[in-house]
Amino acid sequence: MSENYGDYQTEIYGRGALTGVLPNVTTDPRLLEAQAKKALGERSFNYVAGGAGEKATMDSNRLAFRQWKLIPRMLKPMNDQNLAVNLFGQQYPTPLLMAPVGVQSIFHDDKESGLAEACGNVGVPYILSTASSSSIEEVGQANGDGKRWFQLYWPRDDDITLSLLKRAKDNGFSVLVVTLDTWSLAWRPADLDNAYVPFIRGVGNTLGFTDPVFRAKFEKESGSTVEEDIVGASKSWISQVFYGQPHAWEQIAFLRKNWDGPIVLKGIQHVDDAKLALEAGCDGIVVSNHGGMWQSLSSEGSFY
């Protein structure tokens, strides 16, 4: 793929005219969902496309996006286009980052490692989800020299949290993104109607299953290894990261003490919470309602 989008468009037309080769993925964003539905099974598709409740927040998000318009200016030289931005002392080629998306083994065999490699190849920073199907180490290796951040579903056990932070730092993840809005699984009708939750069968639990501290604690408590009791290990890991209670502002100090890079809080939707994030020593926020995937009827206009 060409680095310049204009060149990529020319490349598509050229290949089609000269060789009859068409894009294997539609370029029409309105058709992407239908194409994905054909490629994925019902459960996998519903997991990625479904939302909380009646999808009111998802609908509001789409509407909010459509309220923004671009008004072009004419007769302006365009020879020196530069979309680069500086975040936390690092230069990025564009303001676009790959958001943390977990459980990718239900979408593609290459899982998160494949996407991390692709992001590294095109210069898009990659954010690894705690719900990954690839390990921290695998993603770090696949991403190569690419810039990468680590998204944390904050475990209730401090020892496990410290282990995850150390692994992330040791494998080149420079920014910690702490998700605040998903400390409990949401009411998702599309998943509930199929009684489908990937985590219970070990899917999306790889960061826990490959963590030495979690493994040791599970083996001590259960008398079994993770591999010997996948369902039991899955329940134990779920109870760590989706245990039904949020952390408190005072606990941010623990992360600040044990992470020497930038900390970004994901899920902030209120101005007062943004101010509290700064007071707690955080470096940035992601204004997000998780795309309506795990929340319903939260503020519109904040995105995944």
Protein backbone atom coordinates (compact mmCIF):
# COMPACT_ATOMS: atom_id res chain seq x y z
CA MET A 1 0.00 0.00 0.00
CA SER A 2 1.24 3.48 -0.86
CA GLU A 3 2.12 5.85 1.99
CA ASN A 4 0.08 8.64 0.40
CA TYR A 5 -3.68 8.11 0.22
CA GLY A 6 -3.85 9.89 -3.12
CA ASP A 7 -1.25 7.50 -4.52
CA TYR A 8 -3.21 4.56 -3.09
CA GLN A 9 -6.31 5.70 -4.98
CA THR A 10 -4.28 5.89 -8.20
CA GLU A 11 -2.86 2.44 -7.44
CA ILE A 12 -6.36 0.95 -7.13
CA TYR A 13 -7.46 2.43 -10.45
CA GLY A 14 -4.23 1.36 -12.12
CA ARG A 15 -4.39 -2.25 -11.00
CA GLY A 16 -8.03 -2.48 -11.97
CA ALA A 17 -7.51 -1.02 -15.43
CA LEU A 18 -4.33 -2.95 -16.25
CA THR A 19 -4.86 -6.31 -14.54
CA GLY A 20 -8.51 -6.41 -13.49
CA VAL A 21 -7.53 -6.71 -9.82
CA LEU A 22 -10.10 -5.16 -7.48
CA PRO A 23 -9.71 -4.32 -3.76
CA ASN A 24 -10.44 -7.36 -1.60
CA VAL A 25 -12.03 -5.10 1.01
CA THR A 26 -14.61 -2.48 0.08
CA THR A 27 -13.54 1.16 0.14
CA ASP A 28 -17.11 2.22 1.04
CA PRO A 29 -17.41 2.58 4.84
CA ARG A 30 -21.17 1.97 4.57
CA LEU A 31 -20.53 -1.51 3.17
CA LEU A 32 -17.77 -2.61 5.53
CA GLU A 33 -20.18 -3.94 8.16
CA ALA A 34 -22.10 -6.07 5.65
CA GLN A 35 -18.84 -7.44 4.26
CA ALA A 36 -17.62 -8.29 7.76
CA LYS A 37 -20.89 -10.04 8.57
CA LYS A 38 -20.32 -12.40 5.64
CA ALA A 39 -16.76 -13.13 6.71
CA LEU A 40 -17.46 -13.71 10.41
CA GLY A 41 -19.80 -16.09 12.16
CA GLU A 42 -22.88 -14.71 13.90
CA ARG A 43 -21.40 -14.76 17.38
CA SER A 44 -18.13 -13.11 16.39
CA PHE A 45 -19.92 -10.47 14.34
CA ASN A 46 -22.41 -9.68 17.11
CA TYR A 47 -19.59 -9.33 19.61
CA VAL A 48 -17.77 -6.67 17.59
CA ALA A 49 -20.86 -4.94 16.17
CA GLY A 50 -23.12 -5.20 19.20
CA GLY A 51 -23.69 -2.57 21.83
CA ALA A 52 -25.03 -2.12 25.33
CA GLY A 53 -28.77 -1.93 25.90
CA GLU A 54 -30.72 -0.80 22.87
CA LYS A 55 -27.59 0.72 21.30
CA ALA A 56 -28.76 4.25 22.10
CA THR A 57 -25.22 5.41 22.79
CA MET A 58 -23.91 3.83 19.59
CA ASP A 59 -26.61 5.65 17.63
CA SER A 60 -25.82 8.94 19.38
CA ASN A 61 -22.13 8.57 18.62
CA ARG A 62 -22.76 8.12 14.91
CA LEU A 63 -25.08 11.12 14.88
CA ALA A 64 -22.50 13.22 16.72
CA PHE A 65 -19.84 12.35 14.15
CA ARG A 66 -22.12 13.52 11.36
CA GLN A 67 -22.57 16.94 12.95
CA TRP A 68 -18.96 17.85 12.13
CA LYS A 69 -18.28 19.24 8.67
CA LEU A 70 -15.12 20.13 6.80
CA ILE A 71 -15.24 23.41 4.89
CA PRO A 72 -12.50 23.45 2.23
CA ARG A 73 -10.54 26.59 1.35
CA MET A 74 -9.68 27.29 -2.28
CA LEU A 75 -6.46 28.31 -4.07
CA LYS A 76 -4.27 27.35 -1.14
CA PRO A 77 -0.88 25.72 -1.87
CA MET A 78 -0.87 22.07 -0.74
CA ASN A 79 2.76 21.17 -1.39
CA ASP A 80 3.83 20.97 2.24
CA GLN A 81 1.07 18.98 3.89
CA ASN A 82 2.09 17.79 7.33
CA LEU A 83 -0.24 15.93 9.67
CA ALA A 84 2.44 15.23 12.28
CA VAL A 85 1.65 15.82 15.95
CA ASN A 86 3.68 15.77 19.14
CA LEU A 87 2.31 13.76 22.06
CA PHE A 88 4.15 13.38 25.36
CA GLY A 89 7.46 14.31 23.75
CA GLN A 90 7.08 11.85 20.86
CA GLN A 91 6.55 12.78 17.21
CA TYR A 92 3.74 10.93 15.41
CA PRO A 93 3.13 11.11 11.64
CA THR A 94 -0.62 11.74 12.05
CA PRO A 95 -3.04 12.27 14.95
CA LEU A 96 -4.42 8.77 14.31
CA LEU A 97 -3.73 5.87 16.66
CA MET A 98 -5.07 2.32 16.59
CA ALA A 99 -7.50 2.09 19.49
CA PRO A 100 -7.25 -0.91 21.84
CA VAL A 101 -9.43 -3.70 20.45
CA GLY A 102 -9.36 -7.04 22.23
CA VAL A 103 -10.39 -10.63 21.48
CA GLN A 104 -9.09 -10.36 17.92
CA SER A 105 -8.65 -14.11 17.52
CA ILE A 106 -12.40 -14.32 16.82
CA PHE A 107 -11.90 -11.97 13.86
CA HIS A 108 -8.66 -13.17 12.25
CA ASP A 109 -6.06 -15.89 12.74
CA ASP A 110 -3.25 -13.32 12.97
CA LYS A 111 -4.87 -11.85 16.09
CA GLU A 112 -3.43 -8.71 17.68
CA SER A 113 0.08 -9.56 16.53
CA GLY A 114 -0.97 -9.22 12.91
CA LEU A 115 -2.56 -5.83 13.47
CA ALA A 116 0.42 -4.64 15.51
CA GLU A 117 2.73 -5.63 12.67
CA ALA A 118 0.56 -3.80 10.13
CA CYS A 119 0.51 -0.67 12.30
CA GLY A 120 4.28 -0.78 12.61
CA ASN A 121 4.62 -1.06 8.84
CA VAL A 122 2.49 2.03 8.11
CA GLY A 123 3.62 4.14 11.08
CA VAL A 124 0.36 4.11 13.04
CA PRO A 125 0.88 3.82 16.82
CA TYR A 126 -0.68 0.63 18.19
CA ILE A 127 -2.52 0.39 21.53
CA LEU A 128 -2.61 -3.14 22.95
CA SER A 129 -5.74 -4.18 24.85
CA THR A 130 -5.58 -6.15 28.09
CA ALA A 131 -8.22 -8.38 26.45
CA SER A 132 -5.75 -9.40 23.76
CA SER A 133 -5.48 -12.85 22.19
CA SER A 134 -1.73 -12.29 21.72
CA SER A 135 0.71 -11.82 24.57
CA ILE A 136 2.49 -8.57 25.42
CA GLU A 137 5.74 -10.13 24.26
CA GLU A 138 4.30 -11.35 20.94
CA VAL A 139 2.80 -7.96 20.14
CA GLY A 140 5.99 -6.12 21.06
CA GLN A 141 7.99 -8.33 18.73
CA ALA A 142 5.46 -8.06 15.89
CA ASN A 143 5.30 -4.28 16.17
CA GLY A 144 9.07 -4.01 15.80
CA ASP A 145 10.25 -0.40 15.79
CA GLY A 146 6.68 0.92 15.82
CA LYS A 147 5.37 3.14 18.59
CA ARG A 148 3.08 1.29 20.97
CA TRP A 149 0.95 2.02 24.03
CA PHE A 150 -0.51 -0.40 26.58
CA GLN A 151 -4.18 -0.29 27.60
CA LEU A 152 -4.82 -1.59 31.10
CA TYR A 153 -7.98 -3.14 32.44
CA TRP A 154 -6.85 -2.47 35.97
CA PRO A 155 -6.72 -5.74 38.01
CA ARG A 156 -7.83 -5.68 41.60
CA ASP A 157 -4.63 -7.48 42.65
CA ASP A 158 -1.69 -5.06 42.88
CA ASP A 159 0.90 -7.79 42.31
CA ILE A 160 -0.72 -8.76 39.01
CA THR A 161 -0.98 -5.09 38.01
CA LEU A 162 2.73 -4.57 38.69
CA SER A 163 3.60 -7.64 36.64
CA LEU A 164 1.60 -6.40 33.65
CA LEU A 165 3.20 -2.95 33.88
CA LYS A 166 6.69 -4.45 34.01
CA ARG A 167 6.05 -6.69 31.01
CA ALA A 168 4.68 -3.75 29.03
CA LYS A 169 7.65 -1.55 29.88
CA ASP A 170 10.15 -4.33 29.15
CA ASN A 171 8.60 -4.80 25.70
CA GLY A 172 8.72 -1.21 24.52
CA PHE A 173 5.27 0.12 25.41
CA SER A 174 5.77 3.79 26.20
CA VAL A 175 2.34 5.08 27.29
CA LEU A 176 -0.10 3.54 29.78
CA VAL A 177 -3.79 3.88 28.86
CA VAL A 178 -6.05 3.05 31.81
CA THR A 179 -9.62 2.18 30.86
CA LEU A 180 -12.05 3.36 33.52
CA ASP A 181 -15.46 2.66 31.99
CA THR A 182 -15.48 -1.15 31.83
CA TRP A 183 -15.00 -2.57 35.31
CA SER A 184 -18.06 -4.77 34.75
CA LEU A 185 -19.50 -6.53 31.70
CA ALA A 186 -22.42 -4.70 30.12
CA TRP A 187 -25.96 -5.85 29.29
CA ARG A 188 -25.46 -6.71 25.63
CA PRO A 189 -28.59 -8.32 24.11
CA ALA A 190 -26.89 -9.68 20.98
CA ASP A 191 -24.41 -11.61 23.14
CA LEU A 192 -26.97 -12.57 25.78
CA ASP A 193 -29.39 -13.99 23.21
CA ASN A 194 -26.60 -16.31 22.04
CA ALA A 195 -25.27 -16.88 25.58
CA TYR A 196 -21.90 -15.86 24.17
CA VAL A 197 -19.01 -14.43 26.13
CA PRO A 198 -15.58 -15.30 24.67
CA PHE A 199 -13.66 -14.84 27.92
CA ILE A 200 -15.18 -17.85 29.71
CA ARG A 201 -13.47 -20.21 27.25
CA GLY A 202 -10.13 -18.46 27.52
CA VAL A 203 -10.48 -16.21 24.46
CA GLY A 204 -9.09 -12.74 25.15
CA ASN A 205 -7.38 -13.85 28.37
CA THR A 206 -3.88 -14.31 26.97
CA LEU A 207 -2.30 -11.47 28.93
CA GLY A 208 -3.44 -13.13 32.14
CA PHE A 209 -2.66 -16.68 31.07
CA THR A 210 0.90 -15.69 30.11
CA ASP A 211 1.51 -13.62 33.23
CA PRO A 212 3.84 -15.36 35.71
CA VAL A 213 2.27 -13.74 38.77
CA PHE A 214 -1.30 -14.59 37.78
CA ARG A 215 -0.28 -18.14 36.88
CA ALA A 216 1.47 -18.68 40.21
CA LYS A 217 -1.46 -17.33 42.20
CA PHE A 218 -3.98 -19.40 40.25
CA GLU A 219 -1.97 -22.61 40.66
CA LYS A 220 -1.57 -21.99 44.39
CA GLU A 221 -5.30 -21.34 44.88
CA SER A 222 -6.69 -24.03 42.56
CA GLY A 223 -4.05 -26.73 42.56
CA SER A 224 -4.18 -26.76 38.76
CA THR A 225 -2.26 -25.06 35.99
CA VAL A 226 -4.00 -22.67 33.62
CA GLU A 227 -3.81 -25.27 30.86
CA GLU A 228 -5.36 -27.96 33.07
CA ASP A 229 -8.36 -25.79 33.98
CA ILE A 230 -9.06 -23.23 31.26
CA VAL A 231 -12.57 -22.44 32.50
CA GLY A 232 -11.42 -22.04 36.09
CA ALA A 233 -8.49 -19.87 35.03
CA SER A 234 -10.81 -17.81 32.84
CA LYS A 235 -13.17 -17.18 35.74
CA SER A 236 -10.24 -16.20 37.92
CA TRP A 237 -8.88 -13.77 35.33
CA ILE A 238 -12.32 -12.26 34.67
CA SER A 239 -12.70 -11.69 38.41
CA GLN A 240 -9.46 -9.72 38.29
CA VAL A 241 -10.23 -7.32 35.45
CA PHE A 242 -14.07 -7.18 35.43
CA TYR A 243 -14.76 -7.56 39.11
CA GLY A 244 -17.70 -5.16 39.40
CA GLN A 245 -16.15 -2.30 41.37
CA PRO A 246 -14.31 0.77 40.03
CA HIS A 247 -11.03 1.97 41.46
CA ALA A 248 -10.88 5.36 43.22
CA TRP A 249 -9.04 8.55 42.31
CA GLU A 250 -6.70 8.06 45.26
CA GLN A 251 -5.43 4.83 43.70
CA ILE A 252 -4.04 6.60 40.63
CA ALA A 253 -1.04 7.38 42.83
CA PHE A 254 -0.18 3.66 42.78
CA LEU A 255 0.02 3.67 38.99
CA ARG A 256 1.91 6.96 38.96
CA LYS A 257 4.48 5.52 41.36
CA ASN A 258 4.97 2.34 39.35
CA TRP A 259 4.85 3.63 35.76
CA ASP A 260 7.58 6.04 34.71
CA GLY A 261 5.97 7.05 31.40
CA PRO A 262 2.88 9.03 30.43
CA ILE A 263 -0.48 7.89 31.85
CA VAL A 264 -3.70 8.46 29.91
CA LEU A 265 -7.15 7.85 31.39
CA LYS A 266 -9.64 6.39 28.91
CA GLY A 267 -13.37 6.84 29.50
CA ILE A 268 -13.45 10.43 30.76
CA GLN A 269 -16.72 12.19 29.83
CA HIS A 270 -17.09 14.98 32.39
CA VAL A 271 -15.08 18.19 32.68
CA ASP A 272 -14.66 17.73 36.43
CA ASP A 273 -13.18 14.27 35.88
CA ALA A 274 -10.74 15.73 33.35
CA LYS A 275 -9.59 18.20 35.99
CA LEU A 276 -9.25 15.41 38.56
CA ALA A 277 -7.12 13.46 36.09
CA LEU A 278 -4.67 16.36 35.89
CA GLU A 279 -4.66 16.74 39.66
CA ALA A 280 -3.88 13.03 40.00
CA GLY A 281 -0.77 13.45 37.86
CA CYS A 282 -2.07 11.96 34.63
CA ASP A 283 -0.73 13.22 31.32
CA GLY A 284 -3.82 12.96 29.13
CA ILE A 285 -7.33 11.63 28.70
CA VAL A 286 -9.34 9.81 26.06
CA VAL A 287 -12.85 11.24 25.87
CA SER A 288 -14.75 8.02 25.40
CA ASN A 289 -17.91 6.08 26.18
CA HIS A 290 -16.39 2.90 24.73
CA GLY A 291 -18.33 3.44 21.54
CA GLY A 292 -21.52 2.39 23.29
CA MET A 293 -20.18 -1.16 23.35
CA TRP A 294 -20.12 -1.42 27.14
CA GLN A 295 -22.19 1.64 28.10
CA SER A 296 -25.65 2.84 27.23
CA LEU A 297 -27.11 6.33 27.50
CA SER A 298 -23.86 8.03 28.41
CA SER A 299 -22.84 11.31 26.82
CA GLU A 300 -23.12 11.49 23.05
CA GLY A 301 -20.26 12.90 21.09
CA SER A 302 -17.55 10.92 22.87
CA PHE A 303 -16.08 8.08 20.95
CA TYR A 304 -14.37 4.71 21.15
